[in-house]
Amino acid sequence: MELENLIRLLKREFSLSSEQITWGLKQTEAMPSYLPVIFWRYGLITTSELDRLLDYWS
């Protein structure tokens, strides 16, 4: 998934702000595949949203 599409999805489907997305991307610079887990770990998305995001991710 392209970064631009991912950002649109995170904003539209998961109601994450630009600041939250930027923070998440900085946290996962070395390992971008951890992005969904970082959002979940810090309470920005629920477990069910994590499952949905992982489905989009693959």
PDB file of N, CA and C in Angstrom:
ATOM      1  N   MET A   1       0.849  -1.175   0.000  1.00  0.00           N
ATOM      2  CA  MET A   1       0.000   0.000   0.000  1.00  0.00           C
ATOM      3  C   MET A   1       0.892   1.235   0.000  1.00  0.00           C
ATOM      4  N   GLU A   2       0.615   2.162  -0.888  1.00  0.00           N
ATOM      5  CA  GLU A   2       1.381   3.412  -0.954  1.00  0.00           C
ATOM      6  C   GLU A   2       1.132   4.243   0.298  1.00  0.00           C
ATOM      7  N   LEU A   3       2.128   5.014   0.676  1.00  0.00           N
ATOM      8  CA  LEU A   3       2.038   5.828   1.880  1.00  0.00           C
ATOM      9  C   LEU A   3       0.863   6.808   1.817  1.00  0.00           C
ATOM     10  N   GLU A   4       0.670   7.443   0.686  1.00  0.00           N
ATOM     11  CA  GLU A   4      -0.436   8.409   0.554  1.00  0.00           C
ATOM     12  C   GLU A   4      -1.787   7.734   0.774  1.00  0.00           C
ATOM     13  N   ASN A   5      -1.958   6.554   0.192  1.00  0.00           N
ATOM     14  CA  ASN A   5      -3.211   5.813   0.365  1.00  0.00           C
ATOM     15  C   ASN A   5      -3.386   5.389   1.817  1.00  0.00           C
ATOM     16  N   LEU A   6      -2.297   4.977   2.441  1.00  0.00           N
ATOM     17  CA  LEU A   6      -2.355   4.577   3.841  1.00  0.00           C
ATOM     18  C   LEU A   6      -2.774   5.743   4.722  1.00  0.00           C
ATOM     19  N   ILE A   7      -2.213   6.909   4.500  1.00  0.00           N
ATOM     20  CA  ILE A   7      -2.550   8.091   5.294  1.00  0.00           C
ATOM     21  C   ILE A   7      -4.026   8.449   5.122  1.00  0.00           C
ATOM     22  N   ARG A   8      -4.517   8.408   3.906  1.00  0.00           N
ATOM     23  CA  ARG A   8      -5.946   8.684   3.669  1.00  0.00           C
ATOM     24  C   ARG A   8      -6.824   7.676   4.411  1.00  0.00           C
ATOM     25  N   LEU A   9      -6.436   6.423   4.342  1.00  0.00           N
ATOM     26  CA  LEU A   9      -7.183   5.370   5.024  1.00  0.00           C
ATOM     27  C   LEU A   9      -7.190   5.584   6.536  1.00  0.00           C
ATOM     28  N   LEU A  10      -6.031   5.897   7.098  1.00  0.00           N
ATOM     29  CA  LEU A  10      -5.932   6.112   8.543  1.00  0.00           C
ATOM     30  C   LEU A  10      -6.791   7.289   8.995  1.00  0.00           C
ATOM     31  N   LYS A  11      -6.848   8.310   8.191  1.00  0.00           N
ATOM     32  CA  LYS A  11      -7.672   9.475   8.527  1.00  0.00           C
ATOM     33  C   LYS A  11      -9.158   9.166   8.371  1.00  0.00           C
ATOM     34  N   ARG A  12      -9.518   8.549   7.256  1.00  0.00           N
ATOM     35  CA  ARG A  12     -10.928   8.324   6.936  1.00  0.00           C
ATOM     36  C   ARG A  12     -11.530   7.181   7.766  1.00  0.00           C
ATOM     37  N   GLU A  13     -10.892   6.037   7.784  1.00  0.00           N
ATOM     38  CA  GLU A  13     -11.465   4.849   8.407  1.00  0.00           C
ATOM     39  C   GLU A  13     -11.193   4.749   9.908  1.00  0.00           C
ATOM     40  N   PHE A  14     -10.082   5.341  10.353  1.00  0.00           N
ATOM     41  CA  PHE A  14      -9.684   5.172  11.748  1.00  0.00           C
ATOM     42  C   PHE A  14      -9.642   6.487  12.517  1.00  0.00           C
ATOM     43  N   SER A  15     -10.019   7.560  11.861  1.00  0.00           N
ATOM     44  CA  SER A  15     -10.123   8.897  12.484  1.00  0.00           C
ATOM     45  C   SER A  15      -8.850   9.332  13.203  1.00  0.00           C
ATOM     46  N   LEU A  16      -7.709   8.971  12.651  1.00  0.00           N
ATOM     47  CA  LEU A  16      -6.437   9.413  13.225  1.00  0.00           C
ATOM     48  C   LEU A  16      -6.093  10.787  12.656  1.00  0.00           C
ATOM     49  N   SER A  17      -5.528  11.629  13.488  1.00  0.00           N
ATOM     50  CA  SER A  17      -5.142  12.968  13.039  1.00  0.00           C
ATOM     51  C   SER A  17      -3.799  12.911  12.306  1.00  0.00           C
ATOM     52  N   SER A  18      -3.494  13.971  11.600  1.00  0.00           N
ATOM     53  CA  SER A  18      -2.203  14.068  10.912  1.00  0.00           C
ATOM     54  C   SER A  18      -1.052  13.960  11.905  1.00  0.00           C
ATOM     55  N   GLU A  19      -1.231  14.557  13.088  1.00  0.00           N
ATOM     56  CA  GLU A  19      -0.187  14.520  14.111  1.00  0.00           C
ATOM     57  C   GLU A  19       0.034  13.097  14.615  1.00  0.00           C
ATOM     58  N   GLN A  20      -1.045  12.351  14.817  1.00  0.00           N
ATOM     59  CA  GLN A  20      -0.921  10.970  15.277  1.00  0.00           C
ATOM     60  C   GLN A  20      -0.235  10.108  14.222  1.00  0.00           C
ATOM     61  N   ILE A  21      -0.583  10.310  12.976  1.00  0.00           N
ATOM     62  CA  ILE A  21       0.018   9.545  11.891  1.00  0.00           C
ATOM     63  C   ILE A  21       1.497   9.869  11.771  1.00  0.00           C
ATOM     64  N   THR A  22       1.841  11.140  11.823  1.00  0.00           N
ATOM     65  CA  THR A  22       3.245  11.554  11.753  1.00  0.00           C
ATOM     66  C   THR A  22       4.035  10.944  12.899  1.00  0.00           C
ATOM     67  N   TRP A  23       3.468  10.977  14.107  1.00  0.00           N
ATOM     68  CA  TRP A  23       4.117  10.390  15.275  1.00  0.00           C
ATOM     69  C   TRP A  23       4.348   8.889  15.044  1.00  0.00           C
ATOM     70  N   GLY A  24       3.326   8.186  14.578  1.00  0.00           N
ATOM     71  CA  GLY A  24       3.446   6.751  14.320  1.00  0.00           C
ATOM     72  C   GLY A  24       4.506   6.440  13.285  1.00  0.00           C
ATOM     73  N   LEU A  25       4.560   7.240  12.232  1.00  0.00           N
ATOM     74  CA  LEU A  25       5.561   7.020  11.188  1.00  0.00           C
ATOM     75  C   LEU A  25       6.971   7.238  11.731  1.00  0.00           C
ATOM     76  N   LYS A  26       7.142   8.215  12.615  1.00  0.00           N
ATOM     77  CA  LYS A  26       8.457   8.446  13.222  1.00  0.00           C
ATOM     78  C   LYS A  26       8.854   7.284  14.125  1.00  0.00           C
ATOM     79  N   GLN A  27       7.873   6.717  14.833  1.00  0.00           N
ATOM     80  CA  GLN A  27       8.146   5.591  15.726  1.00  0.00           C
ATOM     81  C   GLN A  27       8.575   4.345  14.968  1.00  0.00           C
ATOM     82  N   THR A  28       8.167   4.248  13.720  1.00  0.00           N
ATOM     83  CA  THR A  28       8.401   3.017  12.957  1.00  0.00           C
ATOM     84  C   THR A  28       9.314   3.225  11.762  1.00  0.00           C
ATOM     85  N   GLU A  29      10.126   4.270  11.778  1.00  0.00           N
ATOM     86  CA  GLU A  29      11.011   4.540  10.634  1.00  0.00           C
ATOM     87  C   GLU A  29      11.838   3.321  10.245  1.00  0.00           C
ATOM     88  N   ALA A  30      12.400   2.641  11.222  1.00  0.00           N
ATOM     89  CA  ALA A  30      13.264   1.496  10.935  1.00  0.00           C
ATOM     90  C   ALA A  30      12.461   0.259  10.516  1.00  0.00           C
ATOM     91  N   MET A  31      11.215   0.160  10.990  1.00  0.00           N
ATOM     92  CA  MET A  31      10.397  -1.019  10.700  1.00  0.00           C
ATOM     93  C   MET A  31       8.960  -0.594  10.427  1.00  0.00           C
ATOM     94  N   PRO A  32       8.687  -0.073   9.236  1.00  0.00           N
ATOM     95  CA  PRO A  32       7.351   0.448   8.916  1.00  0.00           C
ATOM     96  C   PRO A  32       6.217  -0.565   9.085  1.00  0.00           C
ATOM     97  N   SER A  33       6.514  -1.842   8.997  1.00  0.00           N
ATOM     98  CA  SER A  33       5.448  -2.836   9.125  1.00  0.00           C
ATOM     99  C   SER A  33       4.851  -2.873  10.529  1.00  0.00           C
ATOM    100  N   TYR A  34       5.501  -2.259  11.500  1.00  0.00           N
ATOM    101  CA  TYR A  34       4.984  -2.206  12.867  1.00  0.00           C
ATOM    102  C   TYR A  34       3.969  -1.089  13.084  1.00  0.00           C
ATOM    103  N   LEU A  35       3.728  -0.275  12.098  1.00  0.00           N
ATOM    104  CA  LEU A  35       2.845   0.877  12.257  1.00  0.00           C
ATOM    105  C   LEU A  35       1.480   0.519  12.847  1.00  0.00           C
ATOM    106  N   PRO A  36       0.760  -0.481  12.332  1.00  0.00           N
ATOM    107  CA  PRO A  36      -0.540  -0.807  12.920  1.00  0.00           C
ATOM    108  C   PRO A  36      -0.440  -1.178  14.409  1.00  0.00           C
ATOM    109  N   VAL A  37       0.591  -1.917  14.754  1.00  0.00           N
ATOM    110  CA  VAL A  37       0.765  -2.354  16.137  1.00  0.00           C
ATOM    111  C   VAL A  37       1.082  -1.165  17.047  1.00  0.00           C
ATOM    112  N   ILE A  38       1.867  -0.221  16.558  1.00  0.00           N
ATOM    113  CA  ILE A  38       2.187   0.980  17.348  1.00  0.00           C
ATOM    114  C   ILE A  38       0.907   1.753  17.656  1.00  0.00           C
ATOM    115  N   PHE A  39       0.054   1.937  16.661  1.00  0.00           N
ATOM    116  CA  PHE A  39      -1.204   2.647  16.905  1.00  0.00           C
ATOM    117  C   PHE A  39      -2.043   1.919  17.950  1.00  0.00           C
ATOM    118  N   TRP A  40      -2.092   0.598  17.879  1.00  0.00           N
ATOM    119  CA  TRP A  40      -2.858  -0.191  18.837  1.00  0.00           C
ATOM    120  C   TRP A  40      -2.219  -0.136  20.228  1.00  0.00           C
ATOM    121  N   ARG A  41      -0.911  -0.315  20.279  1.00  0.00           N
ATOM    122  CA  ARG A  41      -0.194  -0.358  21.563  1.00  0.00           C
ATOM    123  C   ARG A  41      -0.382   0.927  22.372  1.00  0.00           C
ATOM    124  N   TYR A  42      -0.433   2.044  21.691  1.00  0.00           N
ATOM    125  CA  TYR A  42      -0.576   3.317  22.376  1.00  0.00           C
ATOM    126  C   TYR A  42      -2.026   3.791  22.462  1.00  0.00           C
ATOM    127  N   GLY A  43      -2.965   2.891  22.168  1.00  0.00           N
ATOM    128  CA  GLY A  43      -4.373   3.188  22.381  1.00  0.00           C
ATOM    129  C   GLY A  43      -5.020   4.085  21.349  1.00  0.00           C
ATOM    130  N   LEU A  44      -4.398   4.217  20.194  1.00  0.00           N
ATOM    131  CA  LEU A  44      -4.975   5.073  19.157  1.00  0.00           C
ATOM    132  C   LEU A  44      -6.015   4.339  18.318  1.00  0.00           C
ATOM    133  N   ILE A  45      -5.967   3.002  18.331  1.00  0.00           N
ATOM    134  CA  ILE A  45      -6.983   2.187  17.667  1.00  0.00           C
ATOM    135  C   ILE A  45      -7.319   1.010  18.584  1.00  0.00           C
ATOM    136  N   THR A  46      -8.500   0.449  18.387  1.00  0.00           N
ATOM    137  CA  THR A  46      -8.939  -0.696  19.183  1.00  0.00           C
ATOM    138  C   THR A  46      -8.404  -1.993  18.574  1.00  0.00           C
ATOM    139  N   THR A  47      -8.608  -3.079  19.283  1.00  0.00           N
ATOM    140  CA  THR A  47      -8.181  -4.381  18.779  1.00  0.00           C
ATOM    141  C   THR A  47      -8.897  -4.730  17.479  1.00  0.00           C
ATOM    142  N   SER A  48     -10.194  -4.455  17.417  1.00  0.00           N
ATOM    143  CA  SER A  48     -10.928  -4.751  16.175  1.00  0.00           C
ATOM    144  C   SER A  48     -10.445  -3.862  15.031  1.00  0.00           C
ATOM    145  N   GLU A  49     -10.100  -2.613  15.344  1.00  0.00           N
ATOM    146  CA  GLU A  49      -9.550  -1.732  14.306  1.00  0.00           C
ATOM    147  C   GLU A  49      -8.172  -2.219  13.871  1.00  0.00           C
ATOM    148  N   LEU A  50      -7.400  -2.751  14.819  1.00  0.00           N
ATOM    149  CA  LEU A  50      -6.097  -3.322  14.464  1.00  0.00           C
ATOM    150  C   LEU A  50      -6.282  -4.458  13.468  1.00  0.00           C
ATOM    151  N   ASP A  51      -7.239  -5.328  13.727  1.00  0.00           N
ATOM    152  CA  ASP A  51      -7.514  -6.432  12.798  1.00  0.00           C
ATOM    153  C   ASP A  51      -7.878  -5.910  11.417  1.00  0.00           C
ATOM    154  N   ARG A  52      -8.737  -4.903  11.369  1.00  0.00           N
ATOM    155  CA  ARG A  52      -9.128  -4.314  10.068  1.00  0.00           C
ATOM    156  C   ARG A  52      -7.921  -3.710   9.371  1.00  0.00           C
ATOM    157  N   LEU A  53      -7.104  -2.962  10.127  1.00  0.00           N
ATOM    158  CA  LEU A  53      -5.940  -2.320   9.536  1.00  0.00           C
ATOM    159  C   LEU A  53      -4.949  -3.347   9.021  1.00  0.00           C
ATOM    160  N   LEU A  54      -4.765  -4.419   9.746  1.00  0.00           N
ATOM    161  CA  LEU A  54      -3.872  -5.486   9.284  1.00  0.00           C
ATOM    162  C   LEU A  54      -4.394  -6.140   8.010  1.00  0.00           C
ATOM    163  N   ASP A  55      -5.722  -6.240   7.885  1.00  0.00           N
ATOM    164  CA  ASP A  55      -6.304  -6.755   6.648  1.00  0.00           C
ATOM    165  C   ASP A  55      -5.993  -5.835   5.471  1.00  0.00           C
ATOM    166  N   TYR A  56      -6.115  -4.516   5.682  1.00  0.00           N
ATOM    167  CA  TYR A  56      -5.771  -3.558   4.629  1.00  0.00           C
ATOM    168  C   TYR A  56      -4.289  -3.630   4.294  1.00  0.00           C
ATOM    169  N   TRP A  57      -3.491  -3.807   5.338  1.00  0.00           N
ATOM    170  CA  TRP A  57      -2.032  -3.768   5.210  1.00  0.00           C
ATOM    171  C   TRP A  57      -1.525  -4.861   4.286  1.00  0.00           C
ATOM    172  N   SER A  58      -2.144  -6.040   4.345  1.00  0.00           N
ATOM    173  CA  SER A  58      -1.636  -7.180   3.563  1.00  0.00           C
ATOM    174  C   SER A  58      -2.145  -7.208   2.147  1.00  0.00           C
TER     175      SER A  58
END
